[in-house]
Amino acid sequence: MQANDIRVFVPSKDYQTSQSFYQAMGFKMDPAGDDLAIFTNGACTFFLQRHFNEEFAKNLMLQLIVADIEAAFNVISKIEGFNIRYEPIKSEPWGKVIYLWGPSGELWHVTELNS
């Protein structure tokens, strides 16, 4: 089997809030039905669903690899009006990371890998 892509279905506690949050993050939204939207930034794509399971959402982790962690932090730190939290940039042996909890509890590892 040759895989070409993989897309996650991210749950949303409040569908409209999550849509607005991901657009504030720089993702473009395209509706895919009444209960589903596709979010795209560059070659990265995921689905946002109008479905919420708290246990799943709080255990969901995603890694978003970026070219410039400082630019990513600048965007994240300016997002207001959402129930989110994030930590400062952390250096790791493999690169740098920002831990960002989205409005439904999902954890994003916003990462710049060492070259």
PDB file of N, CA and C in Angstrom:
ATOM      1  N   MET A   1       0.853  -1.184   0.000  1.00  0.00           N
ATOM      2  CA  MET A   1       0.000   0.000   0.000  1.00  0.00           C
ATOM      3  C   MET A   1       0.892   1.239   0.000  1.00  0.00           C
ATOM      4  N   GLN A   2       0.614   2.170  -0.889  1.00  0.00           N
ATOM      5  CA  GLN A   2       1.322   3.444  -0.974  1.00  0.00           C
ATOM      6  C   GLN A   2       0.402   4.535  -0.444  1.00  0.00           C
ATOM      7  N   ALA A   3       0.741   5.138   0.686  1.00  0.00           N
ATOM      8  CA  ALA A   3      -0.059   6.229   1.256  1.00  0.00           C
ATOM      9  C   ALA A   3       0.389   7.558   0.661  1.00  0.00           C
ATOM     10  N   ASN A   4      -0.564   8.429   0.385  1.00  0.00           N
ATOM     11  CA  ASN A   4      -0.258   9.756  -0.147  1.00  0.00           C
ATOM     12  C   ASN A   4      -0.479  10.864   0.859  1.00  0.00           C
ATOM     13  N   ASP A   5      -1.323  10.616   1.861  1.00  0.00           N
ATOM     14  CA  ASP A   5      -1.661  11.655   2.819  1.00  0.00           C
ATOM     15  C   ASP A   5      -2.358  10.991   3.997  1.00  0.00           C
ATOM     16  N   ILE A   6      -2.427  11.699   5.097  1.00  0.00           N
ATOM     17  CA  ILE A   6      -3.219  11.254   6.249  1.00  0.00           C
ATOM     18  C   ILE A   6      -3.865  12.495   6.838  1.00  0.00           C
ATOM     19  N   ARG A   7      -5.140  12.383   7.152  1.00  0.00           N
ATOM     20  CA  ARG A   7      -5.881  13.522   7.690  1.00  0.00           C
ATOM     21  C   ARG A   7      -6.608  13.111   8.960  1.00  0.00           C
ATOM     22  N   VAL A   8      -6.485  13.929   9.953  1.00  0.00           N
ATOM     23  CA  VAL A   8      -7.138  13.676  11.230  1.00  0.00           C
ATOM     24  C   VAL A   8      -8.483  14.405  11.269  1.00  0.00           C
ATOM     25  N   PHE A   9      -9.424  13.855  12.033  1.00  0.00           N
ATOM     26  CA  PHE A   9     -10.713  14.488  12.288  1.00  0.00           C
ATOM     27  C   PHE A   9     -10.662  15.042  13.702  1.00  0.00           C
ATOM     28  N   VAL A  10     -10.556  16.356  13.818  1.00  0.00           N
ATOM     29  CA  VAL A  10     -10.434  17.030  15.105  1.00  0.00           C
ATOM     30  C   VAL A  10     -11.834  17.306  15.649  1.00  0.00           C
ATOM     31  N   PRO A  11     -12.096  16.925  16.899  1.00  0.00           N
ATOM     32  CA  PRO A  11     -13.418  17.189  17.484  1.00  0.00           C
ATOM     33  C   PRO A  11     -13.551  18.652  17.906  1.00  0.00           C
ATOM     34  N   SER A  12     -14.791  19.099  18.013  1.00  0.00           N
ATOM     35  CA  SER A  12     -15.020  20.468  18.472  1.00  0.00           C
ATOM     36  C   SER A  12     -16.121  20.494  19.517  1.00  0.00           C
ATOM     37  N   LYS A  13     -15.805  21.087  20.633  1.00  0.00           N
ATOM     38  CA  LYS A  13     -16.792  21.273  21.701  1.00  0.00           C
ATOM     39  C   LYS A  13     -17.817  22.319  21.276  1.00  0.00           C
ATOM     40  N   ASP A  14     -17.331  23.376  20.639  1.00  0.00           N
ATOM     41  CA  ASP A  14     -18.178  24.426  20.069  1.00  0.00           C
ATOM     42  C   ASP A  14     -17.675  24.617  18.641  1.00  0.00           C
ATOM     43  N   TYR A  15     -18.442  24.116  17.688  1.00  0.00           N
ATOM     44  CA  TYR A  15     -18.020  24.068  16.278  1.00  0.00           C
ATOM     45  C   TYR A  15     -17.639  25.442  15.733  1.00  0.00           C
ATOM     46  N   GLN A  16     -18.446  26.458  15.996  1.00  0.00           N
ATOM     47  CA  GLN A  16     -18.170  27.806  15.481  1.00  0.00           C
ATOM     48  C   GLN A  16     -16.902  28.382  16.110  1.00  0.00           C
ATOM     49  N   THR A  17     -16.729  28.178  17.396  1.00  0.00           N
ATOM     50  CA  THR A  17     -15.536  28.672  18.087  1.00  0.00           C
ATOM     51  C   THR A  17     -14.281  28.022  17.521  1.00  0.00           C
ATOM     52  N   SER A  18     -14.319  26.722  17.333  1.00  0.00           N
ATOM     53  CA  SER A  18     -13.155  26.025  16.784  1.00  0.00           C
ATOM     54  C   SER A  18     -12.858  26.479  15.361  1.00  0.00           C
ATOM     55  N   GLN A  19     -13.898  26.698  14.569  1.00  0.00           N
ATOM     56  CA  GLN A  19     -13.685  27.206  13.211  1.00  0.00           C
ATOM     57  C   GLN A  19     -12.956  28.547  13.254  1.00  0.00           C
ATOM     58  N   SER A  20     -13.423  29.437  14.099  1.00  0.00           N
ATOM     59  CA  SER A  20     -12.800  30.759  14.215  1.00  0.00           C
ATOM     60  C   SER A  20     -11.364  30.659  14.722  1.00  0.00           C
ATOM     61  N   PHE A  21     -11.127  29.782  15.669  1.00  0.00           N
ATOM     62  CA  PHE A  21      -9.782  29.598  16.216  1.00  0.00           C
ATOM     63  C   PHE A  21      -8.805  29.158  15.134  1.00  0.00           C
ATOM     64  N   TYR A  22      -9.173  28.154  14.367  1.00  0.00           N
ATOM     65  CA  TYR A  22      -8.249  27.650  13.346  1.00  0.00           C
ATOM     66  C   TYR A  22      -8.034  28.651  12.217  1.00  0.00           C
ATOM     67  N   GLN A  23      -9.031  29.464  11.939  1.00  0.00           N
ATOM     68  CA  GLN A  23      -8.828  30.534  10.967  1.00  0.00           C
ATOM     69  C   GLN A  23      -7.869  31.585  11.533  1.00  0.00           C
ATOM     70  N   ALA A  24      -7.972  31.882  12.823  1.00  0.00           N
ATOM     71  CA  ALA A  24      -7.035  32.812  13.472  1.00  0.00           C
ATOM     72  C   ALA A  24      -5.613  32.258  13.457  1.00  0.00           C
ATOM     73  N   MET A  25      -5.489  30.929  13.437  1.00  0.00           N
ATOM     74  CA  MET A  25      -4.178  30.282  13.364  1.00  0.00           C
ATOM     75  C   MET A  25      -3.581  30.373  11.965  1.00  0.00           C
ATOM     76  N   GLY A  26      -4.386  30.770  10.981  1.00  0.00           N
ATOM     77  CA  GLY A  26      -3.880  30.903   9.621  1.00  0.00           C
ATOM     78  C   GLY A  26      -4.344  29.827   8.663  1.00  0.00           C
ATOM     79  N   PHE A  27      -5.285  28.990   9.100  1.00  0.00           N
ATOM     80  CA  PHE A  27      -5.816  27.948   8.229  1.00  0.00           C
ATOM     81  C   PHE A  27      -6.995  28.487   7.424  1.00  0.00           C
ATOM     82  N   LYS A  28      -7.112  28.032   6.182  1.00  0.00           N
ATOM     83  CA  LYS A  28      -8.236  28.373   5.310  1.00  0.00           C
ATOM     84  C   LYS A  28      -9.311  27.310   5.511  1.00  0.00           C
ATOM     85  N   MET A  29     -10.561  27.724   5.652  1.00  0.00           N
ATOM     86  CA  MET A  29     -11.663  26.792   5.889  1.00  0.00           C
ATOM     87  C   MET A  29     -12.510  26.627   4.638  1.00  0.00           C
ATOM     88  N   ASP A  30     -12.825  25.378   4.334  1.00  0.00           N
ATOM     89  CA  ASP A  30     -13.775  25.045   3.277  1.00  0.00           C
ATOM     90  C   ASP A  30     -14.810  24.101   3.875  1.00  0.00           C
ATOM     91  N   PRO A  31     -16.098  24.458   3.811  1.00  0.00           N
ATOM     92  CA  PRO A  31     -17.136  23.559   4.323  1.00  0.00           C
ATOM     93  C   PRO A  31     -17.126  22.237   3.558  1.00  0.00           C
ATOM     94  N   ALA A  32     -17.371  21.165   4.269  1.00  0.00           N
ATOM     95  CA  ALA A  32     -17.453  19.835   3.654  1.00  0.00           C
ATOM     96  C   ALA A  32     -18.776  19.180   4.025  1.00  0.00           C
ATOM     97  N   GLY A  33     -19.746  19.959   4.446  1.00  0.00           N
ATOM     98  CA  GLY A  33     -21.050  19.475   4.890  1.00  0.00           C
ATOM     99  C   GLY A  33     -21.494  20.286   6.085  1.00  0.00           C
ATOM    100  N   ASP A  34     -22.653  19.942   6.624  1.00  0.00           N
ATOM    101  CA  ASP A  34     -23.186  20.674   7.770  1.00  0.00           C
ATOM    102  C   ASP A  34     -22.354  20.485   9.035  1.00  0.00           C
ATOM    103  N   ASP A  35     -21.722  19.338   9.156  1.00  0.00           N
ATOM    104  CA  ASP A  35     -21.016  18.987  10.391  1.00  0.00           C
ATOM    105  C   ASP A  35     -19.525  18.748  10.190  1.00  0.00           C
ATOM    106  N   LEU A  36     -18.982  19.229   9.074  1.00  0.00           N
ATOM    107  CA  LEU A  36     -17.586  18.947   8.757  1.00  0.00           C
ATOM    108  C   LEU A  36     -17.000  20.090   7.930  1.00  0.00           C
ATOM    109  N   ALA A  37     -15.770  20.462   8.254  1.00  0.00           N
ATOM    110  CA  ALA A  37     -15.050  21.477   7.483  1.00  0.00           C
ATOM    111  C   ALA A  37     -13.616  21.007   7.284  1.00  0.00           C
ATOM    112  N   ILE A  38     -13.036  21.395   6.160  1.00  0.00           N
ATOM    113  CA  ILE A  38     -11.647  21.078   5.852  1.00  0.00           C
ATOM    114  C   ILE A  38     -10.824  22.339   6.084  1.00  0.00           C
ATOM    115  N   PHE A  39      -9.737  22.196   6.816  1.00  0.00           N
ATOM    116  CA  PHE A  39      -8.834  23.312   7.087  1.00  0.00           C
ATOM    117  C   PHE A  39      -7.493  23.037   6.420  1.00  0.00           C
ATOM    118  N   THR A  40      -6.959  24.054   5.738  1.00  0.00           N
ATOM    119  CA  THR A  40      -5.729  23.896   4.972  1.00  0.00           C
ATOM    120  C   THR A  40      -4.793  25.066   5.234  1.00  0.00           C
ATOM    121  N   ASN A  41      -3.519  24.741   5.376  1.00  0.00           N
ATOM    122  CA  ASN A  41      -2.455  25.736   5.460  1.00  0.00           C
ATOM    123  C   ASN A  41      -1.266  25.108   4.751  1.00  0.00           C
ATOM    124  N   GLY A  42      -0.901  25.655   3.592  1.00  0.00           N
ATOM    125  CA  GLY A  42       0.157  25.033   2.798  1.00  0.00           C
ATOM    126  C   GLY A  42      -0.295  23.647   2.368  1.00  0.00           C
ATOM    127  N   ALA A  43       0.547  22.656   2.595  1.00  0.00           N
ATOM    128  CA  ALA A  43       0.213  21.272   2.241  1.00  0.00           C
ATOM    129  C   ALA A  43      -0.463  20.526   3.393  1.00  0.00           C
ATOM    130  N   CYS A  44      -0.692  21.204   4.512  1.00  0.00           N
ATOM    131  CA  CYS A  44      -1.285  20.579   5.698  1.00  0.00           C
ATOM    132  C   CYS A  44      -2.805  20.707   5.667  1.00  0.00           C
ATOM    133  N   THR A  45      -3.482  19.596   5.905  1.00  0.00           N
ATOM    134  CA  THR A  45      -4.936  19.574   5.871  1.00  0.00           C
ATOM    135  C   THR A  45      -5.471  18.713   7.007  1.00  0.00           C
ATOM    136  N   PHE A  46      -6.562  19.166   7.626  1.00  0.00           N
ATOM    137  CA  PHE A  46      -7.271  18.335   8.596  1.00  0.00           C
ATOM    138  C   PHE A  46      -8.750  18.661   8.522  1.00  0.00           C
ATOM    139  N   PHE A  47      -9.552  17.769   9.085  1.00  0.00           N
ATOM    140  CA  PHE A  47     -10.993  17.972   9.169  1.00  0.00           C
ATOM    141  C   PHE A  47     -11.350  18.453  10.570  1.00  0.00           C
ATOM    142  N   LEU A  48     -12.307  19.352  10.655  1.00  0.00           N
ATOM    143  CA  LEU A  48     -12.899  19.746  11.932  1.00  0.00           C
ATOM    144  C   LEU A  48     -14.325  19.230  11.900  1.00  0.00           C
ATOM    145  N   GLN A  49     -14.695  18.483  12.915  1.00  0.00           N
ATOM    146  CA  GLN A  49     -16.028  17.895  12.942  1.00  0.00           C
ATOM    147  C   GLN A  49     -16.887  18.474  14.058  1.00  0.00           C
ATOM    148  N   ARG A  50     -18.175  18.546  13.784  1.00  0.00           N
ATOM    149  CA  ARG A  50     -19.128  18.984  14.800  1.00  0.00           C
ATOM    150  C   ARG A  50     -19.487  17.748  15.639  1.00  0.00           C
ATOM    151  N   HIS A  51     -18.517  17.328  16.397  1.00  0.00           N
ATOM    152  CA  HIS A  51     -18.676  16.162  17.270  1.00  0.00           C
ATOM    153  C   HIS A  51     -17.694  16.347  18.403  1.00  0.00           C
ATOM    154  N   PHE A  52     -18.096  15.980  19.598  1.00  0.00           N
ATOM    155  CA  PHE A  52     -17.207  16.162  20.744  1.00  0.00           C
ATOM    156  C   PHE A  52     -17.307  14.982  21.685  1.00  0.00           C
ATOM    157  N   ASN A  53     -16.176  14.429  22.005  1.00  0.00           N
ATOM    158  CA  ASN A  53     -16.026  13.421  23.038  1.00  0.00           C
ATOM    159  C   ASN A  53     -14.880  13.917  23.904  1.00  0.00           C
ATOM    160  N   GLU A  54     -15.197  14.323  25.129  1.00  0.00           N
ATOM    161  CA  GLU A  54     -14.208  14.968  25.991  1.00  0.00           C
ATOM    162  C   GLU A  54     -12.962  14.121  26.213  1.00  0.00           C
ATOM    163  N   GLU A  55     -13.150  12.839  26.477  1.00  0.00           N
ATOM    164  CA  GLU A  55     -11.996  11.981  26.733  1.00  0.00           C
ATOM    165  C   GLU A  55     -11.088  11.905  25.505  1.00  0.00           C
ATOM    166  N   PHE A  56     -11.688  11.760  24.326  1.00  0.00           N
ATOM    167  CA  PHE A  56     -10.895  11.726  23.096  1.00  0.00           C
ATOM    168  C   PHE A  56     -10.187  13.063  22.870  1.00  0.00           C
ATOM    169  N   ALA A  57     -10.928  14.162  22.984  1.00  0.00           N
ATOM    170  CA  ALA A  57     -10.357  15.488  22.717  1.00  0.00           C
ATOM    171  C   ALA A  57      -9.174  15.770  23.634  1.00  0.00           C
ATOM    172  N   LYS A  58      -9.289  15.430  24.892  1.00  0.00           N
ATOM    173  CA  LYS A  58      -8.214  15.723  25.847  1.00  0.00           C
ATOM    174  C   LYS A  58      -7.014  14.796  25.686  1.00  0.00           C
ATOM    175  N   ASN A  59      -7.165  13.734  24.893  1.00  0.00           N
ATOM    176  CA  ASN A  59      -6.060  12.825  24.629  1.00  0.00           C
ATOM    177  C   ASN A  59      -5.522  12.945  23.210  1.00  0.00           C
ATOM    178  N   LEU A  60      -6.130  13.811  22.418  1.00  0.00           N
ATOM    179  CA  LEU A  60      -5.702  13.994  21.037  1.00  0.00           C
ATOM    180  C   LEU A  60      -4.487  14.906  20.982  1.00  0.00           C
ATOM    181  N   MET A  61      -3.414  14.429  20.347  1.00  0.00           N
ATOM    182  CA  MET A  61      -2.213  15.233  20.147  1.00  0.00           C
ATOM    183  C   MET A  61      -1.893  15.244  18.663  1.00  0.00           C
ATOM    184  N   LEU A  62      -1.524  16.420  18.182  1.00  0.00           N
ATOM    185  CA  LEU A  62      -1.172  16.596  16.781  1.00  0.00           C
ATOM    186  C   LEU A  62       0.136  17.365  16.708  1.00  0.00           C
ATOM    187  N   GLN A  63       0.914  17.098  15.685  1.00  0.00           N
ATOM    188  CA  GLN A  63       2.149  17.840  15.491  1.00  0.00           C
ATOM    189  C   GLN A  63       2.017  18.666  14.219  1.00  0.00           C
ATOM    190  N   LEU A  64       2.218  19.956  14.345  1.00  0.00           N
ATOM    191  CA  LEU A  64       2.227  20.882  13.211  1.00  0.00           C
ATOM    192  C   LEU A  64       3.661  21.351  13.045  1.00  0.00           C
ATOM    193  N   ILE A  65       4.298  20.964  11.956  1.00  0.00           N
ATOM    194  CA  ILE A  65       5.689  21.335  11.720  1.00  0.00           C
ATOM    195  C   ILE A  65       5.716  22.642  10.944  1.00  0.00           C
ATOM    196  N   VAL A  66       6.447  23.606  11.474  1.00  0.00           N
ATOM    197  CA  VAL A  66       6.546  24.937  10.871  1.00  0.00           C
ATOM    198  C   VAL A  66       8.004  25.237  10.508  1.00  0.00           C
ATOM    199  N   ALA A  67       8.179  26.176   9.592  1.00  0.00           N
ATOM    200  CA  ALA A  67       9.526  26.571   9.177  1.00  0.00           C
ATOM    201  C   ALA A  67      10.163  27.534  10.163  1.00  0.00           C
ATOM    202  N   ASP A  68       9.327  28.334  10.862  1.00  0.00           N
ATOM    203  CA  ASP A  68       9.847  29.389  11.736  1.00  0.00           C
ATOM    204  C   ASP A  68       9.039  29.405  13.038  1.00  0.00           C
ATOM    205  N   ILE A  69       9.600  28.875  14.089  1.00  0.00           N
ATOM    206  CA  ILE A  69       8.906  28.770  15.375  1.00  0.00           C
ATOM    207  C   ILE A  69       8.620  30.148  15.978  1.00  0.00           C
ATOM    208  N   GLU A  70       9.508  31.101  15.748  1.00  0.00           N
ATOM    209  CA  GLU A  70       9.289  32.460  16.266  1.00  0.00           C
ATOM    210  C   GLU A  70       8.062  33.092  15.607  1.00  0.00           C
ATOM    211  N   ALA A  71       7.918  32.911  14.299  1.00  0.00           N
ATOM    212  CA  ALA A  71       6.751  33.435  13.583  1.00  0.00           C
ATOM    213  C   ALA A  71       5.485  32.745  14.078  1.00  0.00           C
ATOM    214  N   ALA A  72       5.560  31.445  14.317  1.00  0.00           N
ATOM    215  CA  ALA A  72       4.407  30.706  14.835  1.00  0.00           C
ATOM    216  C   ALA A  72       4.022  31.224  16.224  1.00  0.00           C
ATOM    217  N   PHE A  73       5.005  31.445  17.071  1.00  0.00           N
ATOM    218  CA  PHE A  73       4.728  31.967  18.414  1.00  0.00           C
ATOM    219  C   PHE A  73       4.097  33.347  18.338  1.00  0.00           C
ATOM    220  N   ASN A  74       4.547  34.162  17.409  1.00  0.00           N
ATOM    221  CA  ASN A  74       3.995  35.500  17.223  1.00  0.00           C
ATOM    222  C   ASN A  74       2.503  35.412  16.885  1.00  0.00           C
ATOM    223  N   VAL A  75       2.129  34.498  16.011  1.00  0.00           N
ATOM    224  CA  VAL A  75       0.715  34.311  15.653  1.00  0.00           C
ATOM    225  C   VAL A  75      -0.068  33.810  16.858  1.00  0.00           C
ATOM    226  N   ILE A  76       0.425  32.746  17.490  1.00  0.00           N
ATOM    227  CA  ILE A  76      -0.278  32.119  18.614  1.00  0.00           C
ATOM    228  C   ILE A  76      -0.468  33.102  19.768  1.00  0.00           C
ATOM    229  N   SER A  77       0.558  33.858  20.092  1.00  0.00           N
ATOM    230  CA  SER A  77       0.492  34.761  21.246  1.00  0.00           C
ATOM    231  C   SER A  77      -0.465  35.929  21.033  1.00  0.00           C
ATOM    232  N   LYS A  78      -0.848  36.189  19.792  1.00  0.00           N
ATOM    233  CA  LYS A  78      -1.769  37.291  19.510  1.00  0.00           C
ATOM    234  C   LYS A  78      -3.223  36.838  19.389  1.00  0.00           C
ATOM    235  N   ILE A  79      -3.470  35.541  19.468  1.00  0.00           N
ATOM    236  CA  ILE A  79      -4.844  35.038  19.370  1.00  0.00           C
ATOM    237  C   ILE A  79      -5.562  35.315  20.684  1.00  0.00           C
ATOM    238  N   GLU A  80      -6.691  35.997  20.597  1.00  0.00           N
ATOM    239  CA  GLU A  80      -7.460  36.345  21.792  1.00  0.00           C
ATOM    240  C   GLU A  80      -8.914  35.921  21.621  1.00  0.00           C
ATOM    241  N   GLY A  81      -9.601  35.775  22.739  1.00  0.00           N
ATOM    242  CA  GLY A  81     -11.030  35.496  22.711  1.00  0.00           C
ATOM    243  C   GLY A  81     -11.383  34.027  22.673  1.00  0.00           C
ATOM    244  N   PHE A  82     -10.409  33.162  22.907  1.00  0.00           N
ATOM    245  CA  PHE A  82     -10.652  31.724  22.901  1.00  0.00           C
ATOM    246  C   PHE A  82     -10.155  31.124  24.208  1.00  0.00           C
ATOM    247  N   ASN A  83     -10.769  30.039  24.621  1.00  0.00           N
ATOM    248  CA  ASN A  83     -10.339  29.328  25.817  1.00  0.00           C
ATOM    249  C   ASN A  83      -9.211  28.373  25.420  1.00  0.00           C
ATOM    250  N   ILE A  84      -8.015  28.948  25.215  1.00  0.00           N
ATOM    251  CA  ILE A  84      -6.842  28.174  24.831  1.00  0.00           C
ATOM    252  C   ILE A  84      -5.717  28.498  25.790  1.00  0.00           C
ATOM    253  N   ARG A  85      -4.689  27.685  25.743  1.00  0.00           N
ATOM    254  CA  ARG A  85      -3.481  28.014  26.480  1.00  0.00           C
ATOM    255  C   ARG A  85      -2.286  27.487  25.706  1.00  0.00           C
ATOM    256  N   TYR A  86      -1.143  28.082  25.958  1.00  0.00           N
ATOM    257  CA  TYR A  86       0.078  27.666  25.284  1.00  0.00           C
ATOM    258  C   TYR A  86       1.252  27.934  26.212  1.00  0.00           C
ATOM    259  N   GLU A  87       2.346  27.252  25.917  1.00  0.00           N
ATOM    260  CA  GLU A  87       3.580  27.442  26.672  1.00  0.00           C
ATOM    261  C   GLU A  87       4.599  28.143  25.792  1.00  0.00           C
ATOM    262  N   PRO A  88       5.573  28.793  26.392  1.00  0.00           N
ATOM    263  CA  PRO A  88       6.624  29.431  25.601  1.00  0.00           C
ATOM    264  C   PRO A  88       7.390  28.396  24.765  1.00  0.00           C
ATOM    265  N   ILE A  89       8.148  28.884  23.830  1.00  0.00           N
ATOM    266  CA  ILE A  89       8.972  28.009  22.988  1.00  0.00           C
ATOM    267  C   ILE A  89       9.931  27.227  23.880  1.00  0.00           C
ATOM    268  N   LYS A  90       9.980  25.943  23.641  1.00  0.00           N
ATOM    269  CA  LYS A  90      10.852  25.060  24.414  1.00  0.00           C
ATOM    270  C   LYS A  90      11.861  24.415  23.468  1.00  0.00           C
ATOM    271  N   SER A  91      13.140  24.455  23.836  1.00  0.00           N
ATOM    272  CA  SER A  91      14.179  23.806  23.035  1.00  0.00           C
ATOM    273  C   SER A  91      14.305  22.346  23.424  1.00  0.00           C
ATOM    274  N   GLU A  92      14.372  21.489  22.422  1.00  0.00           N
ATOM    275  CA  GLU A  92      14.548  20.049  22.596  1.00  0.00           C
ATOM    276  C   GLU A  92      15.752  19.625  21.748  1.00  0.00           C
ATOM    277  N   PRO A  93      16.305  18.454  21.992  1.00  0.00           N
ATOM    278  CA  PRO A  93      17.448  18.007  21.182  1.00  0.00           C
ATOM    279  C   PRO A  93      17.131  17.936  19.680  1.00  0.00           C
ATOM    280  N   TRP A  94      15.886  17.722  19.330  1.00  0.00           N
ATOM    281  CA  TRP A  94      15.476  17.561  17.926  1.00  0.00           C
ATOM    282  C   TRP A  94      14.929  18.843  17.299  1.00  0.00           C
ATOM    283  N   GLY A  95      14.766  19.922  18.096  1.00  0.00           N
ATOM    284  CA  GLY A  95      14.249  21.174  17.553  1.00  0.00           C
ATOM    285  C   GLY A  95      13.606  22.019  18.635  1.00  0.00           C
ATOM    286  N   LYS A  96      12.602  22.790  18.237  1.00  0.00           N
ATOM    287  CA  LYS A  96      11.884  23.661  19.171  1.00  0.00           C
ATOM    288  C   LYS A  96      10.399  23.378  19.058  1.00  0.00           C
ATOM    289  N   VAL A  97       9.663  23.608  20.181  1.00  0.00           N
ATOM    290  CA  VAL A  97       8.242  23.279  20.193  1.00  0.00           C
ATOM    291  C   VAL A  97       7.459  24.265  21.059  1.00  0.00           C
ATOM    292  N   ILE A  98       6.243  24.525  20.627  1.00  0.00           N
ATOM    293  CA  ILE A  98       5.258  25.271  21.410  1.00  0.00           C
ATOM    294  C   ILE A  98       4.122  24.295  21.680  1.00  0.00           C
ATOM    295  N   TYR A  99       3.764  24.104  22.932  1.00  0.00           N
ATOM    296  CA  TYR A  99       2.600  23.281  23.261  1.00  0.00           C
ATOM    297  C   TYR A  99       1.390  24.197  23.317  1.00  0.00           C
ATOM    298  N   LEU A 100       0.399  23.875  22.501  1.00  0.00           N
ATOM    299  CA  LEU A 100      -0.788  24.706  22.351  1.00  0.00           C
ATOM    300  C   LEU A 100      -2.032  23.842  22.520  1.00  0.00           C
ATOM    301  N   TRP A 101      -2.854  24.172  23.534  1.00  0.00           N
ATOM    302  CA  TRP A 101      -4.108  23.465  23.749  1.00  0.00           C
ATOM    303  C   TRP A 101      -5.227  24.260  23.090  1.00  0.00           C
ATOM    304  N   GLY A 102      -5.910  23.631  22.134  1.00  0.00           N
ATOM    305  CA  GLY A 102      -6.995  24.281  21.411  1.00  0.00           C
ATOM    306  C   GLY A 102      -8.258  24.388  22.243  1.00  0.00           C
ATOM    307  N   PRO A 103      -9.303  24.990  21.691  1.00  0.00           N
ATOM    308  CA  PRO A 103     -10.522  25.271  22.443  1.00  0.00           C
ATOM    309  C   PRO A 103     -11.312  24.039  22.884  1.00  0.00           C
ATOM    310  N   SER A 104     -11.001  22.874  22.326  1.00  0.00           N
ATOM    311  CA  SER A 104     -11.687  21.645  22.750  1.00  0.00           C
ATOM    312  C   SER A 104     -10.798  20.755  23.592  1.00  0.00           C
ATOM    313  N   GLY A 105      -9.594  21.238  23.916  1.00  0.00           N
ATOM    314  CA  GLY A 105      -8.662  20.482  24.751  1.00  0.00           C
ATOM    315  C   GLY A 105      -7.606  19.736  23.961  1.00  0.00           C
ATOM    316  N   GLU A 106      -7.689  19.772  22.634  1.00  0.00           N
ATOM    317  CA  GLU A 106      -6.708  19.090  21.791  1.00  0.00           C
ATOM    318  C   GLU A 106      -5.342  19.741  21.948  1.00  0.00           C
ATOM    319  N   LEU A 107      -4.293  18.934  21.943  1.00  0.00           N
ATOM    320  CA  LEU A 107      -2.932  19.433  22.158  1.00  0.00           C
ATOM    321  C   LEU A 107      -2.162  19.423  20.848  1.00  0.00           C
ATOM    322  N   TRP A 108      -1.727  20.613  20.444  1.00  0.00           N
ATOM    323  CA  TRP A 108      -0.901  20.770  19.256  1.00  0.00           C
ATOM    324  C   TRP A 108       0.550  20.922  19.679  1.00  0.00           C
ATOM    325  N   HIS A 109       1.437  20.176  19.045  1.00  0.00           N
ATOM    326  CA  HIS A 109       2.882  20.329  19.196  1.00  0.00           C
ATOM    327  C   HIS A 109       3.317  21.121  17.964  1.00  0.00           C
ATOM    328  N   VAL A 110       3.396  22.430  18.094  1.00  0.00           N
ATOM    329  CA  VAL A 110       3.830  23.278  16.991  1.00  0.00           C
ATOM    330  C   VAL A 110       5.359  23.237  17.013  1.00  0.00           C
ATOM    331  N   THR A 111       5.940  22.672  15.968  1.00  0.00           N
ATOM    332  CA  THR A 111       7.331  22.245  16.010  1.00  0.00           C
ATOM    333  C   THR A 111       8.164  22.804  14.859  1.00  0.00           C
ATOM    334  N   GLU A 112       9.352  23.253  15.192  1.00  0.00           N
ATOM    335  CA  GLU A 112      10.379  23.537  14.183  1.00  0.00           C
ATOM    336  C   GLU A 112      11.471  22.518  14.411  1.00  0.00           C
ATOM    337  N   LEU A 113      11.686  21.664  13.430  1.00  0.00           N
ATOM    338  CA  LEU A 113      12.695  20.624  13.549  1.00  0.00           C
ATOM    339  C   LEU A 113      14.079  21.184  13.225  1.00  0.00           C
ATOM    340  N   ASN A 114      15.114  20.617  13.858  1.00  0.00           N
ATOM    341  CA  ASN A 114      16.476  20.986  13.490  1.00  0.00           C
ATOM    342  C   ASN A 114      16.711  20.583  12.044  1.00  0.00           C
ATOM    343  N   SER A 115      17.507  21.369  11.329  1.00  0.00           N
ATOM    344  CA  SER A 115      17.778  21.024   9.926  1.00  0.00           C
ATOM    345  C   SER A 115      18.945  20.088   9.798  1.00  0.00           C
TER     346      SER A 115
END
